[in-house]
């Protein structure tokens, strides 16, 4: 959801900014509405041959978890540019075969998008360049293992997890597999 033009920033945080605006209600009265805004984030399903690369990550004050590579989009950075930067920083890999799979707007009270890219045939070109607050081990898993990890409680990334559950229910995981591997 996008912030209305009349919204005014009332707080600037490290990750979240808070906005207020006066909103007329159906009975003619007005009240103050509030909404958060944050930088968009990118996630990457990275492949190498018939394997999917997934991150096993540690961060302070958080249990170890599995996630896709990704991070926050910087100001004036395009989404694909950000995805390429994040993949390189977190895995030391690059790809010449990128596809935007889906964009999510997970919350109505927050201006924030999550863009999910697929990066096929990734190649290692450097060492990882991790933030001081993260440790990432790279796992290579087959498609079925990937699905099991995404559906586990240890996976961090509810948007793709919810889509996976829906694909399982609709019996469309094979279509998704073909999309992931470009076949």
C-alpha atoms as a PDB file:
ATOM      1  CA  UNK A   1       0.000   0.000   0.000  1.00  0.00           C
ATOM      2  CA  UNK A   2       1.296   3.462  -0.828  1.00  0.00           C
ATOM      3  CA  UNK A   3       1.327   6.348   1.607  1.00  0.00           C
ATOM      4  CA  UNK A   4      -1.240   9.034   0.788  1.00  0.00           C
ATOM      5  CA  UNK A   5       0.149  12.377  -0.443  1.00  0.00           C
ATOM      6  CA  UNK A   6      -1.012  14.209   2.692  1.00  0.00           C
ATOM      7  CA  UNK A   7       0.939  11.887   5.049  1.00  0.00           C
ATOM      8  CA  UNK A   8       3.619  13.594   7.167  1.00  0.00           C
ATOM      9  CA  UNK A   9       6.660  11.842   8.584  1.00  0.00           C
ATOM     10  CA  UNK A  10       6.532  11.971  12.398  1.00  0.00           C
ATOM     11  CA  UNK A  11       9.435   9.642  13.175  1.00  0.00           C
ATOM     12  CA  UNK A  12      12.593   8.580  11.312  1.00  0.00           C
ATOM     13  CA  UNK A  13      14.063   5.281  12.414  1.00  0.00           C
ATOM     14  CA  UNK A  14      16.959   3.125  11.302  1.00  0.00           C
ATOM     15  CA  UNK A  15      14.702   0.763   9.359  1.00  0.00           C
ATOM     16  CA  UNK A  16      11.177   2.162   9.778  1.00  0.00           C
ATOM     17  CA  UNK A  17       9.759   5.654   9.347  1.00  0.00           C
ATOM     18  CA  UNK A  18       6.327   6.493  10.773  1.00  0.00           C
ATOM     19  CA  UNK A  19       3.776   8.670   8.979  1.00  0.00           C
ATOM     20  CA  UNK A  20       0.484  10.230  10.144  1.00  0.00           C
ATOM     21  CA  UNK A  21      -2.406  11.837   8.296  1.00  0.00           C
ATOM     22  CA  UNK A  22      -5.931  12.941   9.022  1.00  0.00           C
ATOM     23  CA  UNK A  23      -8.493  10.637   7.443  1.00  0.00           C
ATOM     24  CA  UNK A  24     -12.175  11.366   7.023  1.00  0.00           C
ATOM     25  CA  UNK A  25     -14.362   8.463   8.108  1.00  0.00           C
ATOM     26  CA  UNK A  26     -17.692   7.319   6.702  1.00  0.00           C
ATOM     27  CA  UNK A  27     -19.670   9.223   9.342  1.00  0.00           C
ATOM     28  CA  UNK A  28     -17.941  12.524   8.458  1.00  0.00           C
ATOM     29  CA  UNK A  29     -15.600  12.616  11.461  1.00  0.00           C
ATOM     30  CA  UNK A  30     -11.831  12.530  11.107  1.00  0.00           C
ATOM     31  CA  UNK A  31      -9.135  10.580  12.902  1.00  0.00           C
ATOM     32  CA  UNK A  32      -5.378  10.196  12.645  1.00  0.00           C
ATOM     33  CA  UNK A  33      -4.192   7.252  10.571  1.00  0.00           C
ATOM     34  CA  UNK A  34      -0.677   5.862  10.867  1.00  0.00           C
ATOM     35  CA  UNK A  35       1.542   3.879   8.525  1.00  0.00           C
ATOM     36  CA  UNK A  36       5.130   2.682   8.403  1.00  0.00           C
ATOM     37  CA  UNK A  37       7.538   2.929   5.505  1.00  0.00           C
ATOM     38  CA  UNK A  38      10.767   1.044   4.988  1.00  0.00           C
ATOM     39  CA  UNK A  39      13.201   0.234   2.212  1.00  0.00           C
ATOM     40  CA  UNK A  40      12.094  -2.510  -0.139  1.00  0.00           C
ATOM     41  CA  UNK A  41      13.803  -5.871   0.194  1.00  0.00           C
ATOM     42  CA  UNK A  42      14.973  -8.403  -2.332  1.00  0.00           C
ATOM     43  CA  UNK A  43      15.190 -12.179  -2.062  1.00  0.00           C
ATOM     44  CA  UNK A  44      16.909 -14.495  -4.492  1.00  0.00           C
ATOM     45  CA  UNK A  45      16.301 -18.130  -5.347  1.00  0.00           C
ATOM     46  CA  UNK A  46      19.784 -18.967  -6.624  1.00  0.00           C
ATOM     47  CA  UNK A  47      20.507 -22.105  -8.639  1.00  0.00           C
ATOM     48  CA  UNK A  48      23.655 -23.924  -9.650  1.00  0.00           C
ATOM     49  CA  UNK A  49      23.049 -26.818 -12.019  1.00  0.00           C
ATOM     50  CA  UNK A  50      20.195 -28.862 -10.557  1.00  0.00           C
ATOM     51  CA  UNK A  51      20.719 -27.474  -7.030  1.00  0.00           C
ATOM     52  CA  UNK A  52      19.239 -24.509  -5.207  1.00  0.00           C
ATOM     53  CA  UNK A  53      21.552 -22.460  -3.018  1.00  0.00           C
ATOM     54  CA  UNK A  54      20.096 -21.502   0.326  1.00  0.00           C
ATOM     55  CA  UNK A  55      21.525 -19.584   3.270  1.00  0.00           C
ATOM     56  CA  UNK A  56      21.856 -20.992   6.774  1.00  0.00           C
ATOM     57  CA  UNK A  57      22.209 -17.787   8.722  1.00  0.00           C
ATOM     58  CA  UNK A  58      23.106 -16.598  12.203  1.00  0.00           C
ATOM     59  CA  UNK A  59      22.396 -13.116  13.534  1.00  0.00           C
ATOM     60  CA  UNK A  60      22.714 -11.696  17.044  1.00  0.00           C
ATOM     61  CA  UNK A  61      19.701 -12.300  19.289  1.00  0.00           C
ATOM     62  CA  UNK A  62      18.112 -14.696  16.780  1.00  0.00           C
ATOM     63  CA  UNK A  63      18.026 -18.480  16.535  1.00  0.00           C
ATOM     64  CA  UNK A  64      19.848 -19.908  13.498  1.00  0.00           C
ATOM     65  CA  UNK A  65      17.546 -19.976  10.489  1.00  0.00           C
ATOM     66  CA  UNK A  66      17.343 -20.781   6.788  1.00  0.00           C
ATOM     67  CA  UNK A  67      16.606 -18.050   4.290  1.00  0.00           C
ATOM     68  CA  UNK A  68      17.069 -16.944   0.709  1.00  0.00           C
ATOM     69  CA  UNK A  69      19.907 -14.590  -0.119  1.00  0.00           C
ATOM     70  CA  UNK A  70      18.820 -10.976  -0.090  1.00  0.00           C
ATOM     71  CA  UNK A  71      18.566  -7.721   1.754  1.00  0.00           C
ATOM     72  CA  UNK A  72      17.499  -4.093   1.713  1.00  0.00           C
ATOM     73  CA  UNK A  73      17.345  -1.968  -1.408  1.00  0.00           C
ATOM     74  CA  UNK A  74      19.438   1.179  -1.183  1.00  0.00           C
ATOM     75  CA  UNK A  75      18.047   4.573  -2.180  1.00  0.00           C
ATOM     76  CA  UNK A  76      18.200   5.135  -5.977  1.00  0.00           C
ATOM     77  CA  UNK A  77      19.082   1.444  -6.550  1.00  0.00           C
ATOM     78  CA  UNK A  78      17.000  -0.563  -9.025  1.00  0.00           C
ATOM     79  CA  UNK A  79      15.560  -3.852  -7.761  1.00  0.00           C
ATOM     80  CA  UNK A  80      17.603  -6.080 -10.079  1.00  0.00           C
ATOM     81  CA  UNK A  81      20.761  -4.126  -9.279  1.00  0.00           C
ATOM     82  CA  UNK A  82      20.069  -4.688  -5.576  1.00  0.00           C
ATOM     83  CA  UNK A  83      19.418  -8.410  -6.069  1.00  0.00           C
ATOM     84  CA  UNK A  84      22.724  -8.812  -7.917  1.00  0.00           C
ATOM     85  CA  UNK A  85      24.591  -6.889  -5.200  1.00  0.00           C
ATOM     86  CA  UNK A  86      23.020  -8.881  -2.373  1.00  0.00           C
ATOM     87  CA  UNK A  87      23.703 -12.234  -4.058  1.00  0.00           C
ATOM     88  CA  UNK A  88      27.338 -11.275  -4.582  1.00  0.00           C
ATOM     89  CA  UNK A  89      27.789  -9.968  -1.025  1.00  0.00           C
ATOM     90  CA  UNK A  90      26.113 -12.906   0.701  1.00  0.00           C
ATOM     91  CA  UNK A  91      27.304 -15.782  -1.488  1.00  0.00           C
ATOM     92  CA  UNK A  92      30.196 -14.505  -3.624  1.00  0.00           C
ATOM     93  CA  UNK A  93      28.170 -15.588  -6.668  1.00  0.00           C
ATOM     94  CA  UNK A  94      26.824 -13.948  -9.794  1.00  0.00           C
ATOM     95  CA  UNK A  95      24.433 -14.938 -12.539  1.00  0.00           C
ATOM     96  CA  UNK A  96      23.714 -13.823 -16.088  1.00  0.00           C
ATOM     97  CA  UNK A  97      20.205 -15.332 -16.052  1.00  0.00           C
ATOM     98  CA  UNK A  98      17.791 -13.344 -13.863  1.00  0.00           C
ATOM     99  CA  UNK A  99      14.003 -13.402 -13.695  1.00  0.00           C
ATOM    100  CA  UNK A 100      11.670 -11.456 -11.435  1.00  0.00           C
ATOM    101  CA  UNK A 101       9.404 -14.191 -10.091  1.00  0.00           C
ATOM    102  CA  UNK A 102       7.041 -12.153  -7.947  1.00  0.00           C
ATOM    103  CA  UNK A 103       6.661  -8.935  -5.964  1.00  0.00           C
ATOM    104  CA  UNK A 104       4.838  -8.911  -2.661  1.00  0.00           C
ATOM    105  CA  UNK A 105       3.327  -6.107  -0.592  1.00  0.00           C
ATOM    106  CA  UNK A 106       2.891  -8.060   2.633  1.00  0.00           C
ATOM    107  CA  UNK A 107       1.209  -5.461   4.856  1.00  0.00           C
ATOM    108  CA  UNK A 108      -1.505  -2.851   4.339  1.00  0.00           C
ATOM    109  CA  UNK A 109      -0.167  -0.604   7.120  1.00  0.00           C
ATOM    110  CA  UNK A 110       3.346  -0.471   5.681  1.00  0.00           C
ATOM    111  CA  UNK A 111       4.744   0.848   2.412  1.00  0.00           C
ATOM    112  CA  UNK A 112       7.169  -1.972   1.661  1.00  0.00           C
ATOM    113  CA  UNK A 113       7.667  -4.400  -1.202  1.00  0.00           C
ATOM    114  CA  UNK A 114       9.538  -7.692  -1.279  1.00  0.00           C
ATOM    115  CA  UNK A 115      10.814  -8.613  -4.750  1.00  0.00           C
ATOM    116  CA  UNK A 116      11.645 -12.267  -5.349  1.00  0.00           C
ATOM    117  CA  UNK A 117      14.135 -12.993  -8.129  1.00  0.00           C
ATOM    118  CA  UNK A 118      15.431 -16.230  -9.592  1.00  0.00           C
ATOM    119  CA  UNK A 119      19.144 -16.270 -10.447  1.00  0.00           C
ATOM    120  CA  UNK A 120      20.021 -19.314 -12.563  1.00  0.00           C
ATOM    121  CA  UNK A 121      23.399 -20.963 -13.136  1.00  0.00           C
ATOM    122  CA  UNK A 122      25.215 -19.012 -10.426  1.00  0.00           C
ATOM    123  CA  UNK A 123      29.000 -18.976 -10.502  1.00  0.00           C
ATOM    124  CA  UNK A 124      31.373 -18.253  -7.636  1.00  0.00           C
ATOM    125  CA  UNK A 125      33.474 -15.173  -8.435  1.00  0.00           C
ATOM    126  CA  UNK A 126      34.547 -13.910  -5.004  1.00  0.00           C
ATOM    127  CA  UNK A 127      34.451 -14.527  -1.290  1.00  0.00           C
ATOM    128  CA  UNK A 128      31.441 -13.493   0.765  1.00  0.00           C
ATOM    129  CA  UNK A 129      31.346  -9.897   2.029  1.00  0.00           C
ATOM    130  CA  UNK A 130      28.988 -10.179   4.978  1.00  0.00           C
ATOM    131  CA  UNK A 131      27.695  -7.486   7.305  1.00  0.00           C
ATOM    132  CA  UNK A 132      29.232  -7.552  10.777  1.00  0.00           C
ATOM    133  CA  UNK A 133      25.953  -8.882  12.200  1.00  0.00           C
ATOM    134  CA  UNK A 134      25.544 -11.933   9.987  1.00  0.00           C
ATOM    135  CA  UNK A 135      27.131 -15.318   9.426  1.00  0.00           C
ATOM    136  CA  UNK A 136      25.982 -17.250   6.376  1.00  0.00           C
ATOM    137  CA  UNK A 137      26.728 -20.831   5.380  1.00  0.00           C
ATOM    138  CA  UNK A 138      25.730 -21.751   1.830  1.00  0.00           C
ATOM    139  CA  UNK A 139      23.849 -25.008   1.375  1.00  0.00           C
ATOM    140  CA  UNK A 140      23.270 -26.729  -1.959  1.00  0.00           C
ATOM    141  CA  UNK A 141      20.002 -28.641  -1.918  1.00  0.00           C
ATOM    142  CA  UNK A 142      17.841 -30.388  -4.464  1.00  0.00           C
ATOM    143  CA  UNK A 143      14.350 -29.105  -5.231  1.00  0.00           C
ATOM    144  CA  UNK A 144      12.554 -31.431  -2.789  1.00  0.00           C
ATOM    145  CA  UNK A 145      14.956 -30.495   0.022  1.00  0.00           C
ATOM    146  CA  UNK A 146      14.385 -26.824  -0.813  1.00  0.00           C
ATOM    147  CA  UNK A 147      10.620 -27.291  -0.513  1.00  0.00           C
ATOM    148  CA  UNK A 148      11.053 -29.072   2.846  1.00  0.00           C
ATOM    149  CA  UNK A 149      13.283 -26.267   4.187  1.00  0.00           C
ATOM    150  CA  UNK A 150      10.933 -23.510   3.009  1.00  0.00           C
ATOM    151  CA  UNK A 151       8.022 -25.315   4.709  1.00  0.00           C
ATOM    152  CA  UNK A 152       9.932 -25.754   7.980  1.00  0.00           C
ATOM    153  CA  UNK A 153       9.638 -23.573  11.076  1.00  0.00           C
ATOM    154  CA  UNK A 154      13.325 -22.651  10.717  1.00  0.00           C
ATOM    155  CA  UNK A 155      12.773 -20.863   7.390  1.00  0.00           C
ATOM    156  CA  UNK A 156      12.675 -17.065   7.409  1.00  0.00           C
ATOM    157  CA  UNK A 157      10.618 -15.741   4.496  1.00  0.00           C
ATOM    158  CA  UNK A 158       6.892 -16.157   4.900  1.00  0.00           C
ATOM    159  CA  UNK A 159       5.916 -14.736   1.502  1.00  0.00           C
ATOM    160  CA  UNK A 160       7.554 -17.497  -0.568  1.00  0.00           C
ATOM    161  CA  UNK A 161       6.636 -20.103   2.071  1.00  0.00           C
ATOM    162  CA  UNK A 162       2.966 -19.214   1.738  1.00  0.00           C
ATOM    163  CA  UNK A 163       3.223 -19.457  -2.060  1.00  0.00           C
ATOM    164  CA  UNK A 164       4.894 -22.885  -1.734  1.00  0.00           C
ATOM    165  CA  UNK A 165       2.052 -24.110   0.493  1.00  0.00           C
ATOM    166  CA  UNK A 166      -0.457 -22.883  -2.087  1.00  0.00           C
ATOM    167  CA  UNK A 167       1.477 -24.575  -4.910  1.00  0.00           C
ATOM    168  CA  UNK A 168       1.481 -27.835  -2.941  1.00  0.00           C
ATOM    169  CA  UNK A 169      -2.267 -27.551  -2.461  1.00  0.00           C
ATOM    170  CA  UNK A 170      -2.886 -26.773  -6.153  1.00  0.00           C
ATOM    171  CA  UNK A 171      -0.378 -29.424  -7.282  1.00  0.00           C
ATOM    172  CA  UNK A 172       1.650 -26.849  -9.264  1.00  0.00           C
ATOM    173  CA  UNK A 173       5.105 -27.428  -7.740  1.00  0.00           C
ATOM    174  CA  UNK A 174       6.371 -28.989 -10.983  1.00  0.00           C
ATOM    175  CA  UNK A 175       5.564 -25.762 -12.868  1.00  0.00           C
ATOM    176  CA  UNK A 176       7.450 -23.812 -10.200  1.00  0.00           C
ATOM    177  CA  UNK A 177      10.403 -26.219 -10.487  1.00  0.00           C
ATOM    178  CA  UNK A 178      10.531 -25.648 -14.272  1.00  0.00           C
ATOM    179  CA  UNK A 179      10.462 -21.879 -13.677  1.00  0.00           C
ATOM    180  CA  UNK A 180      13.237 -22.055 -11.082  1.00  0.00           C
ATOM    181  CA  UNK A 181      15.546 -24.064 -13.323  1.00  0.00           C
ATOM    182  CA  UNK A 182      14.422 -22.424 -16.585  1.00  0.00           C
ATOM    183  CA  UNK A 183      13.362 -25.678 -18.224  1.00  0.00           C
END
